[in-house]
C-alpha atoms as a PDB file:
ATOM      1  CA  MET A   1    -116.056 111.023 246.488  1.00  0.00           C
ATOM      2  CA  LEU A   2    -116.191 108.299 243.882  1.00  0.00           C
ATOM      3  CA  PHE A   3    -119.389 106.783 245.324  1.00  0.00           C
ATOM      4  CA  ASP A   4    -121.859 108.685 247.477  1.00  0.00           C
ATOM      5  CA  LEU A   5    -124.977 106.900 248.739  1.00  0.00           C
ATOM      6  CA  GLN A   6    -127.591 109.156 250.291  1.00  0.00           C
ATOM      7  CA  ALA A   7    -130.318 107.610 252.482  1.00  0.00           C
ATOM      8  CA  ILE A   8    -130.649 104.513 250.308  1.00  0.00           C
ATOM      9  CA  THR A   9    -133.607 102.203 250.776  1.00  0.00           C
ATOM     10  CA  PHE A  10    -134.127  99.089 248.690  1.00  0.00           C
ATOM     11  CA  GLN A  11    -137.169  96.877 249.003  1.00  0.00           C
ATOM     12  CA  TYR A  12    -137.817  93.429 247.608  1.00  0.00           C
ATOM     13  CA  PRO A  13    -141.471  92.323 247.494  1.00  0.00           C
ATOM     14  CA  GLU A  14    -141.037  90.334 250.691  1.00  0.00           C
ATOM     15  CA  THR A  15    -138.509  92.383 252.645  1.00  0.00           C
ATOM     16  CA  THR A  16    -136.540  95.610 253.005  1.00  0.00           C
ATOM     17  CA  ALA A  17    -132.913  94.803 252.158  1.00  0.00           C
ATOM     18  CA  LEU A  18    -131.472  98.281 252.817  1.00  0.00           C
ATOM     19  CA  ASP A  19    -133.012 100.889 255.078  1.00  0.00           C
ATOM     20  CA  GLY A  20    -131.710 104.465 254.993  1.00  0.00           C
ATOM     21  CA  VAL A  21    -128.080 103.614 254.202  1.00  0.00           C
ATOM     22  CA  SER A  22    -125.693 106.530 253.682  1.00  0.00           C
ATOM     23  CA  LEU A  23    -122.014 105.957 252.964  1.00  0.00           C
ATOM     24  CA  SER A  24    -119.211 107.202 250.765  1.00  0.00           C
ATOM     25  CA  ILE A  25    -116.215 105.606 249.057  1.00  0.00           C
ATOM     26  CA  ALA A  26    -113.249 107.645 247.900  1.00  0.00           C
ATOM     27  CA  ALA A  27    -111.120 106.873 244.865  1.00  0.00           C
ATOM     28  CA  GLY A  28    -108.206 104.654 245.797  1.00  0.00           C
ATOM     29  CA  GLU A  29    -109.805 103.243 248.955  1.00  0.00           C
ATOM     30  CA  ARG A  30    -110.007  99.585 249.872  1.00  0.00           C
ATOM     31  CA  VAL A  31    -113.386  99.281 251.588  1.00  0.00           C
ATOM     32  CA  VAL A  32    -114.934  96.208 253.184  1.00  0.00           C
ATOM     33  CA  ILE A  33    -118.673  95.853 253.745  1.00  0.00           C
ATOM     34  CA  LEU A  34    -119.068  93.497 256.696  1.00  0.00           C
ATOM     35  CA  GLY A  35    -122.301  91.757 257.562  1.00  0.00           C
ATOM     36  CA  ALA A  36    -123.951  88.439 258.261  1.00  0.00           C
ATOM     37  CA  ASN A  37    -126.043  86.679 255.630  1.00  0.00           C
ATOM     38  CA  GLY A  38    -129.145  88.735 254.917  1.00  0.00           C
ATOM     39  CA  SER A  39    -127.646  92.011 256.141  1.00  0.00           C
ATOM     40  CA  GLY A  40    -127.883  93.676 252.706  1.00  0.00           C
ATOM     41  CA  LYS A  41    -124.263  93.349 251.525  1.00  0.00           C
ATOM     42  CA  SER A  42    -124.986  91.828 248.115  1.00  0.00           C
ATOM     43  CA  THR A  43    -127.832  94.246 247.461  1.00  0.00           C
ATOM     44  CA  LEU A  44    -125.518  97.155 248.247  1.00  0.00           C
ATOM     45  CA  LEU A  45    -122.939  95.900 245.730  1.00  0.00           C
ATOM     46  CA  ARG A  46    -125.636  95.541 243.069  1.00  0.00           C
ATOM     47  CA  LEU A  47    -126.612  99.185 243.628  1.00  0.00           C
ATOM     48  CA  LEU A  48    -122.964 100.254 243.310  1.00  0.00           C
ATOM     49  CA  ASP A  49    -122.773  98.303 240.057  1.00  0.00           C
ATOM     50  CA  GLY A  50    -125.960  99.843 238.673  1.00  0.00           C
ATOM     51  CA  LEU A  51    -127.666  96.452 238.376  1.00  0.00           C
ATOM     52  CA  ASP A  52    -130.447  97.554 240.733  1.00  0.00           C
ATOM     53  CA  HIS A  53    -131.654 101.009 241.719  1.00  0.00           C
ATOM     54  CA  PRO A  54    -132.868 102.238 245.102  1.00  0.00           C
ATOM     55  CA  THR A  55    -136.506 102.375 246.075  1.00  0.00           C
ATOM     56  CA  ALA A  56    -135.685 105.661 247.795  1.00  0.00           C
ATOM     57  CA  GLY A  57    -132.565 107.783 248.094  1.00  0.00           C
ATOM     58  CA  SER A  58    -129.821 108.382 245.538  1.00  0.00           C
ATOM     59  CA  VAL A  59    -126.573 106.783 244.382  1.00  0.00           C
ATOM     60  CA  PHE A  60    -123.922 109.050 242.879  1.00  0.00           C
ATOM     61  CA  PHE A  61    -120.868 107.898 240.956  1.00  0.00           C
ATOM     62  CA  ASP A  62    -118.096 110.424 240.363  1.00  0.00           C
ATOM     63  CA  GLY A  63    -120.572 113.289 240.816  1.00  0.00           C
ATOM     64  CA  SER A  64    -123.315 111.924 238.524  1.00  0.00           C
ATOM     65  CA  GLU A  65    -126.444 110.174 239.710  1.00  0.00           C
ATOM     66  CA  LEU A  66    -126.427 106.453 238.927  1.00  0.00           C
ATOM     67  CA  SER A  67    -129.972 105.707 237.829  1.00  0.00           C
ATOM     68  CA  GLU A  68    -132.001 103.937 235.171  1.00  0.00           C
ATOM     69  CA  ALA A  69    -132.166 107.200 233.239  1.00  0.00           C
ATOM     70  CA  SER A  70    -128.411 107.837 233.320  1.00  0.00           C
ATOM     71  CA  LEU A  71    -127.621 104.250 232.333  1.00  0.00           C
ATOM     72  CA  ALA A  72    -130.026 104.590 229.395  1.00  0.00           C
ATOM     73  CA  ASP A  73    -127.549 107.125 228.028  1.00  0.00           C
ATOM     74  CA  ASP A  74    -125.152 105.021 225.931  1.00  0.00           C
ATOM     75  CA  ARG A  75    -122.167 107.275 226.513  1.00  0.00           C
ATOM     76  CA  PHE A  76    -122.626 107.322 230.299  1.00  0.00           C
ATOM     77  CA  ALA A  77    -123.299 103.569 230.424  1.00  0.00           C
ATOM     78  CA  PHE A  78    -120.255 102.766 228.281  1.00  0.00           C
ATOM     79  CA  ASP A  79    -117.980 104.835 230.512  1.00  0.00           C
ATOM     80  CA  PHE A  80    -119.474 103.454 233.742  1.00  0.00           C
ATOM     81  CA  ARG A  81    -119.215  99.814 232.618  1.00  0.00           C
ATOM     82  CA  ARG A  82    -115.614 100.394 231.583  1.00  0.00           C
ATOM     83  CA  ARG A  83    -114.740 101.906 234.958  1.00  0.00           C
ATOM     84  CA  VAL A  84    -116.648  99.606 237.330  1.00  0.00           C
ATOM     85  CA  GLY A  85    -116.445  95.805 237.363  1.00  0.00           C
ATOM     86  CA  MET A  86    -118.070  93.268 239.664  1.00  0.00           C
ATOM     87  CA  VAL A  87    -117.204  89.688 240.592  1.00  0.00           C
ATOM     88  CA  PHE A  88    -120.252  87.824 241.904  1.00  0.00           C
ATOM     89  CA  GLN A  89    -120.271  85.405 244.834  1.00  0.00           C
ATOM     90  CA  ASN A  90    -121.503  82.616 242.572  1.00  0.00           C
ATOM     91  CA  SER A  91    -119.203  82.576 239.551  1.00  0.00           C
ATOM     92  CA  ASP A  92    -121.645  80.404 237.600  1.00  0.00           C
ATOM     93  CA  VAL A  93    -123.998  83.366 237.125  1.00  0.00           C
ATOM     94  CA  GLN A  94    -121.153  85.318 235.532  1.00  0.00           C
ATOM     95  CA  LEU A  95    -119.649  82.695 233.209  1.00  0.00           C
ATOM     96  CA  PHE A  96    -121.528  81.808 230.037  1.00  0.00           C
ATOM     97  CA  ASN A  97    -119.029  81.438 227.172  1.00  0.00           C
ATOM     98  CA  PRO A  98    -117.869  78.078 225.737  1.00  0.00           C
ATOM     99  CA  THR A  99    -114.179  78.445 226.681  1.00  0.00           C
ATOM    100  CA  VAL A 100    -112.072  80.330 229.207  1.00  0.00           C
ATOM    101  CA  PHE A 101    -110.456  82.319 226.379  1.00  0.00           C
ATOM    102  CA  ASP A 102    -113.866  83.361 225.022  1.00  0.00           C
ATOM    103  CA  GLU A 103    -115.045  84.295 228.515  1.00  0.00           C
ATOM    104  CA  ILE A 104    -112.152  86.664 229.142  1.00  0.00           C
ATOM    105  CA  ALA A 105    -112.345  88.099 225.622  1.00  0.00           C
ATOM    106  CA  PHE A 106    -116.081  88.839 225.839  1.00  0.00           C
ATOM    107  CA  GLY A 107    -115.797  92.242 227.558  1.00  0.00           C
ATOM    108  CA  PRO A 108    -113.130  93.626 225.214  1.00  0.00           C
ATOM    109  CA  LEU A 109    -115.186  92.447 222.224  1.00  0.00           C
ATOM    110  CA  GLN A 110    -118.154  94.447 223.528  1.00  0.00           C
ATOM    111  CA  MET A 111    -115.819  97.436 223.878  1.00  0.00           C
ATOM    112  CA  ARG A 112    -114.810  96.950 220.230  1.00  0.00           C
ATOM    113  CA  TRP A 113    -111.112  96.496 220.914  1.00  0.00           C
ATOM    114  CA  PRO A 114    -108.936  95.434 217.951  1.00  0.00           C
ATOM    115  CA  LYS A 115    -108.632  91.639 217.746  1.00  0.00           C
ATOM    116  CA  ASP A 116    -104.853  91.605 218.094  1.00  0.00           C
ATOM    117  CA  ARG A 117    -105.082  93.708 221.251  1.00  0.00           C
ATOM    118  CA  ILE A 118    -107.741  91.389 222.649  1.00  0.00           C
ATOM    119  CA  ALA A 119    -105.598  88.303 222.029  1.00  0.00           C
ATOM    120  CA  ASP A 120    -102.572  89.879 223.721  1.00  0.00           C
ATOM    121  CA  ARG A 121    -104.545  91.108 226.734  1.00  0.00           C
ATOM    122  CA  VAL A 122    -106.337  87.780 227.205  1.00  0.00           C
ATOM    123  CA  GLU A 123    -103.008  85.948 227.267  1.00  0.00           C
ATOM    124  CA  THR A 124    -101.660  88.447 229.803  1.00  0.00           C
ATOM    125  CA  ALA A 125    -104.768  88.215 232.003  1.00  0.00           C
ATOM    126  CA  MET A 126    -104.656  84.411 232.000  1.00  0.00           C
ATOM    127  CA  ALA A 127    -100.980  84.445 232.969  1.00  0.00           C
ATOM    128  CA  GLU A 128    -101.626  86.900 235.822  1.00  0.00           C
ATOM    129  CA  MET A 129    -104.434  84.720 237.191  1.00  0.00           C
ATOM    130  CA  GLU A 130    -102.446  81.491 236.603  1.00  0.00           C
ATOM    131  CA  ILE A 131    -105.120  80.016 234.347  1.00  0.00           C
ATOM    132  CA  ALA A 132    -103.316  79.908 230.974  1.00  0.00           C
ATOM    133  CA  HIS A 133    -103.490  76.088 231.032  1.00  0.00           C
ATOM    134  CA  LEU A 134    -107.309  76.359 231.149  1.00  0.00           C
ATOM    135  CA  LYS A 135    -107.541  78.402 227.947  1.00  0.00           C
ATOM    136  CA  ASP A 136    -109.630  75.885 225.970  1.00  0.00           C
ATOM    137  CA  ARG A 137    -111.612  74.462 228.887  1.00  0.00           C
ATOM    138  CA  SER A 138    -115.303  75.105 229.507  1.00  0.00           C
ATOM    139  CA  PRO A 139    -115.660  77.472 232.491  1.00  0.00           C
ATOM    140  CA  HIS A 140    -118.517  75.407 233.905  1.00  0.00           C
ATOM    141  CA  ARG A 141    -116.277  72.338 234.195  1.00  0.00           C
ATOM    142  CA  LEU A 142    -113.713  74.082 236.385  1.00  0.00           C
ATOM    143  CA  SER A 143    -113.275  74.012 240.162  1.00  0.00           C
ATOM    144  CA  GLY A 144    -114.692  76.802 242.311  1.00  0.00           C
ATOM    145  CA  GLY A 145    -111.302  78.467 242.659  1.00  0.00           C
ATOM    146  CA  GLU A 146    -110.604  78.245 238.939  1.00  0.00           C
ATOM    147  CA  LYS A 147    -114.012  79.711 238.110  1.00  0.00           C
ATOM    148  CA  LYS A 148    -113.378  82.602 240.504  1.00  0.00           C
ATOM    149  CA  ARG A 149    -110.051  83.367 238.808  1.00  0.00           C
ATOM    150  CA  VAL A 150    -111.655  83.250 235.359  1.00  0.00           C
ATOM    151  CA  ALA A 151    -114.386  85.633 236.543  1.00  0.00           C
ATOM    152  CA  LEU A 152    -111.735  87.967 237.957  1.00  0.00           C
ATOM    153  CA  ALA A 153    -109.721  87.878 234.741  1.00  0.00           C
ATOM    154  CA  SER A 154    -112.841  88.654 232.685  1.00  0.00           C
ATOM    155  CA  VAL A 155    -113.340  91.824 234.756  1.00  0.00           C
ATOM    156  CA  LEU A 156    -109.719  92.905 235.222  1.00  0.00           C
ATOM    157  CA  ILE A 157    -108.910  92.709 231.510  1.00  0.00           C
ATOM    158  CA  LEU A 158    -110.902  95.944 231.105  1.00  0.00           C
ATOM    159  CA  ASN A 159    -108.667  97.635 233.697  1.00  0.00           C
ATOM    160  CA  PRO A 160    -111.582  99.074 235.723  1.00  0.00           C
ATOM    161  CA  ASP A 161    -111.130 101.906 238.192  1.00  0.00           C
ATOM    162  CA  VAL A 162    -113.367 100.085 240.701  1.00  0.00           C
ATOM    163  CA  LEU A 163    -113.564  96.388 241.535  1.00  0.00           C
ATOM    164  CA  LEU A 164    -116.624  95.155 243.459  1.00  0.00           C
ATOM    165  CA  LEU A 165    -116.330  91.677 245.007  1.00  0.00           C
ATOM    166  CA  ASP A 166    -119.092  89.700 246.679  1.00  0.00           C
ATOM    167  CA  GLU A 167    -117.768  87.124 249.195  1.00  0.00           C
ATOM    168  CA  PRO A 168    -114.593  86.515 247.131  1.00  0.00           C
ATOM    169  CA  THR A 169    -113.186  83.775 249.400  1.00  0.00           C
ATOM    170  CA  THR A 170    -116.380  81.756 249.870  1.00  0.00           C
ATOM    171  CA  ALA A 171    -116.080  78.043 248.971  1.00  0.00           C
ATOM    172  CA  LEU A 172    -112.451  78.361 247.888  1.00  0.00           C
ATOM    173  CA  ASP A 173    -109.848  75.755 248.800  1.00  0.00           C
ATOM    174  CA  PRO A 174    -107.006  77.030 251.028  1.00  0.00           C
ATOM    175  CA  ARG A 175    -104.586  77.630 248.134  1.00  0.00           C
ATOM    176  CA  SER A 176    -107.152  79.558 246.087  1.00  0.00           C
ATOM    177  CA  GLN A 177    -108.209  81.532 249.157  1.00  0.00           C
ATOM    178  CA  SER A 178    -104.593  82.494 249.854  1.00  0.00           C
ATOM    179  CA  HIS A 179    -104.167  83.552 246.224  1.00  0.00           C
ATOM    180  CA  MET A 180    -107.299  85.718 246.444  1.00  0.00           C
ATOM    181  CA  ILE A 181    -106.210  87.386 249.702  1.00  0.00           C
ATOM    182  CA  ASP A 182    -102.753  88.138 248.269  1.00  0.00           C
ATOM    183  CA  PHE A 183    -104.406  89.639 245.207  1.00  0.00           C
ATOM    184  CA  LEU A 184    -106.746  91.858 247.232  1.00  0.00           C
ATOM    185  CA  SER A 185    -104.103  92.929 249.744  1.00  0.00           C
ATOM    186  CA  ALA A 186    -102.056  94.199 246.806  1.00  0.00           C
ATOM    187  CA  GLY A 187    -104.959  96.417 245.762  1.00  0.00           C
ATOM    188  CA  GLY A 188    -106.908  94.040 243.564  1.00  0.00           C
ATOM    189  CA  GLY A 189    -105.126  95.141 240.416  1.00  0.00           C
ATOM    190  CA  THR A 190    -107.152  98.338 240.345  1.00  0.00           C
ATOM    191  CA  GLN A 191    -107.464 101.689 242.117  1.00  0.00           C
ATOM    192  CA  THR A 192    -110.531 101.112 244.310  1.00  0.00           C
ATOM    193  CA  THR A 193    -111.888  97.871 245.785  1.00  0.00           C
ATOM    194  CA  VAL A 194    -115.169  97.272 247.615  1.00  0.00           C
ATOM    195  CA  THR A 195    -115.433  93.795 249.131  1.00  0.00           C
ATOM    196  CA  ALA A 196    -118.528  92.352 250.792  1.00  0.00           C
ATOM    197  CA  THR A 197    -117.720  89.581 253.249  1.00  0.00           C
ATOM    198  CA  ASN A 198    -118.500  88.033 256.619  1.00  0.00           C
ATOM    199  CA  ASP A 199    -114.990  86.577 256.945  1.00  0.00           C
ATOM    200  CA  LEU A 200    -113.346  88.611 259.703  1.00  0.00           C
ATOM    201  CA  SER A 201    -110.017  86.838 259.267  1.00  0.00           C
ATOM    202  CA  ILE A 202    -109.220  88.620 255.988  1.00  0.00           C
ATOM    203  CA  VAL A 203    -110.385  92.146 256.813  1.00  0.00           C
ATOM    204  CA  GLU A 204    -107.134  93.631 258.108  1.00  0.00           C
ATOM    205  CA  GLU A 205    -105.271  92.414 255.033  1.00  0.00           C
ATOM    206  CA  ILE A 206    -107.650  93.773 252.404  1.00  0.00           C
ATOM    207  CA  ALA A 207    -109.262  96.928 253.849  1.00  0.00           C
ATOM    208  CA  ASP A 208    -108.423 100.496 254.766  1.00  0.00           C
ATOM    209  CA  ARG A 209    -111.951 101.167 256.037  1.00  0.00           C
ATOM    210  CA  CYS A 210    -115.000  99.108 256.991  1.00  0.00           C
ATOM    211  CA  TYR A 211    -118.743  99.513 257.158  1.00  0.00           C
ATOM    212  CA  VAL A 212    -120.794  97.056 259.225  1.00  0.00           C
ATOM    213  CA  LEU A 213    -124.294  96.296 257.972  1.00  0.00           C
ATOM    214  CA  ASP A 214    -126.905  94.859 260.295  1.00  0.00           C
ATOM    215  CA  GLY A 215    -130.510  94.395 259.255  1.00  0.00           C
ATOM    216  CA  GLY A 216    -130.081  96.617 256.214  1.00  0.00           C
ATOM    217  CA  ARG A 217    -128.656  99.539 258.205  1.00  0.00           C
ATOM    218  CA  VAL A 218    -125.131 100.823 258.755  1.00  0.00           C
ATOM    219  CA  ALA A 219    -124.371  99.758 262.336  1.00  0.00           C
ATOM    220  CA  ALA A 220    -120.823 101.148 262.455  1.00  0.00           C
ATOM    221  CA  ARG A 221    -117.936 102.409 260.390  1.00  0.00           C
ATOM    222  CA  GLY A 222    -114.222 102.566 261.140  1.00  0.00           C
ATOM    223  CA  THR A 223    -110.812 101.109 260.429  1.00  0.00           C
ATOM    224  CA  PRO A 224    -110.411  97.312 260.429  1.00  0.00           C
ATOM    225  CA  ARG A 225    -108.579  97.537 263.761  1.00  0.00           C
ATOM    226  CA  GLU A 226    -111.385  99.560 265.345  1.00  0.00           C
ATOM    227  CA  ILE A 227    -114.142  97.291 264.053  1.00  0.00           C
ATOM    228  CA  LEU A 228    -112.427  94.003 264.926  1.00  0.00           C
ATOM    229  CA  ALA A 229    -111.713  95.187 268.467  1.00  0.00           C
ATOM    230  CA  ASP A 230    -115.399  95.817 269.183  1.00  0.00           C
ATOM    231  CA  GLU A 231    -116.635  92.394 270.259  1.00  0.00           C
ATOM    232  CA  PRO A 232    -120.125  93.597 271.340  1.00  0.00           C
ATOM    233  CA  LEU A 233    -120.636  95.159 267.895  1.00  0.00           C
ATOM    234  CA  LEU A 234    -119.547  91.962 266.140  1.00  0.00           C
ATOM    235  CA  ARG A 235    -121.897  89.933 268.329  1.00  0.00           C
ATOM    236  CA  ARG A 236    -124.863  92.213 267.604  1.00  0.00           C
ATOM    237  CA  ALA A 237    -124.119  92.050 263.883  1.00  0.00           C
ATOM    238  CA  ARG A 238    -123.979  88.231 264.057  1.00  0.00           C
ATOM    239  CA  LEU A 239    -120.365  88.184 262.902  1.00  0.00           C
ATOM    240  CA  LEU A 240    -119.292  86.287 266.031  1.00  0.00           C
ATOM    241  CA  HIS A 241    -120.905  83.208 267.414  1.00  0.00           C
ATOM    242  CA  VAL A 242    -120.184  81.285 270.585  1.00  0.00           C
ATOM    243  CA  HIS A 243    -118.066  78.177 270.088  1.00  0.00           C
ATOM    244  CA  ARG A 244    -118.520  75.543 272.802  1.00  0.00           C
ATOM    245  CA  HIS A 245    -116.348  72.560 273.611  1.00  0.00           C
ATOM    246  CA  ARG A 246    -116.069  70.218 276.581  1.00  0.00           C
ATOM    247  CA  HIS A 247    -112.761  69.673 278.381  1.00  0.00           C
ATOM    248  CA  GLU A 248    -111.671  66.238 279.602  1.00  0.00           C
ATOM    249  CA  SER A 249    -112.719  67.327 283.090  1.00  0.00           C
ATOM    250  CA  GLY A 250    -116.290  67.606 281.793  1.00  0.00           C
ATOM    251  CA  VAL A 251    -116.392  71.403 282.048  1.00  0.00           C
ATOM    252  CA  LEU A 252    -118.161  73.046 279.097  1.00  0.00           C
ATOM    253  CA  HIS A 253    -116.141  76.023 277.849  1.00  0.00           C
ATOM    254  CA  SER A 254    -117.353  78.696 275.443  1.00  0.00           C
ATOM    255  CA  HIS A 255    -115.609  81.542 273.631  1.00  0.00           C
ATOM    256  CA  PRO A 256    -116.311  83.876 270.704  1.00  0.00           C
ATOM    257  CA  HIS A 257    -115.601  82.393 267.286  1.00  0.00           C
ATOM    258  CA  ARG A 258    -115.223  84.267 264.016  1.00  0.00           C
ATOM    259  CA  PRO A 259    -116.524  82.818 260.735  1.00  0.00           C
ATOM    260  CA  GLY A 260    -113.531  81.648 258.738  1.00  0.00           C
ATOM    261  CA  HIS A 261    -111.227  82.177 261.730  1.00  0.00           C
ATOM    262  CA  HIS A 262    -110.075  79.541 264.212  1.00  0.00           C
ATOM    263  CA  ASP A 263    -108.349  81.581 266.902  1.00  0.00           C
ATOM    264  CA  HIS A 264    -109.632  83.450 269.946  1.00  0.00           C
ATOM    265  CA  ILE A 265    -110.048  87.220 269.706  1.00  0.00           C
ATOM    266  CA  ALA A 266    -106.594  88.434 268.702  1.00  0.00           C
ATOM    267  CA  PRO A 267    -104.596  89.775 271.706  1.00  0.00           C
ATOM    268  CA  ALA A 268    -102.995  92.365 269.430  1.00  0.00           C
ATOM    269  CA  LEU A 269    -106.331  94.126 269.244  1.00  0.00           C
ATOM    270  CA  SER A 270    -106.238  94.947 272.954  1.00  0.00           C
ATOM    271  CA  SER A 271    -103.914  97.921 272.498  1.00  0.00           C
ATOM    272  CA  SER A 272    -106.767 100.436 272.866  1.00  0.00           C
ATOM    273  CA  PRO A 273    -107.711 101.300 269.269  1.00  0.00           C
ATOM    274  CA  GLN A 274    -110.264 104.061 268.803  1.00  0.00           C
ATOM    275  CA  PRO A 275    -113.831 102.732 268.896  1.00  0.00           C
ATOM    276  CA  PRO A 276    -115.707 102.552 265.596  1.00  0.00           C
ATOM    277  CA  VAL A 277    -118.340 105.139 264.859  1.00  0.00           C
ATOM    278  CA  LYS A 278    -121.690 103.685 265.920  1.00  0.00           C
ATOM    279  CA  GLU A 279    -124.701 104.613 263.862  1.00  0.00           C
ATOM    280  CA  LYS A 280    -127.969 105.716 265.417  1.00  0.00           C
ATOM    281  CA  GLY A 281    -130.999 103.530 265.041  1.00  0.00           C
ATOM    282  CA  PRO A 282    -132.235 100.064 265.986  1.00  0.00           C
ATOM    283  CA  SER A 283    -129.189  98.271 264.632  1.00  0.00           C
ATOM    284  CA  SER A 284    -126.546 100.273 266.513  1.00  0.00           C
END
């Protein structure tokens, strides 16, 4: 397994964000971490990226424990940072250089690439993300979709083995959202992708396997088809809410509604998929 999380607990001063989470991610998988706001998704990604470390339990990356001690080893840290890249939900926390070109070139400069190679790769990355026309612009003066593409380019230029994405479609306009979904459905330009989201409408396109987080615990795991077919699970995990509207007759009608999705529960899901694996504990 590329990532192996064993009984992870993570506590903030005011709350427990993750409580006994165990999961694994194989090389080459497209994994989605589903959960409502506050379920622990972002914290889990930060642990996978080595930005935070568990209060209890262990995180392993490619057979080695990912810890403060291991990341203090320059050789291990250099290799890990080259292989794992993360795109944050809020691009503003990730962008800090004066121009788009400088932003994308920053990582390769830290990796001590030759300048001619950096220039070539930056041009290629900008073309792939359709942001070449923004080359001399300040990242902080761009739209949300443009910022997200700059952040992606700044990570992908290093050709990481793993791409971690936190709510990648949040606050994007429809065109930028479509571009992001197309990118992720094609594999995200890398071998392994882990995407945290509460947008059920994109899951089947971007995932091979899903974990559902609820209250900091793994509530279920399964294929996108299995997870999306389990309406009671989605309700418990606060991924569905009841949409109410009144007909002309005056009758109030309600039906499940998915965040980011405007249709009823998809009929195609009624063809008896296998149920997801429910986890034991209060959240299951």
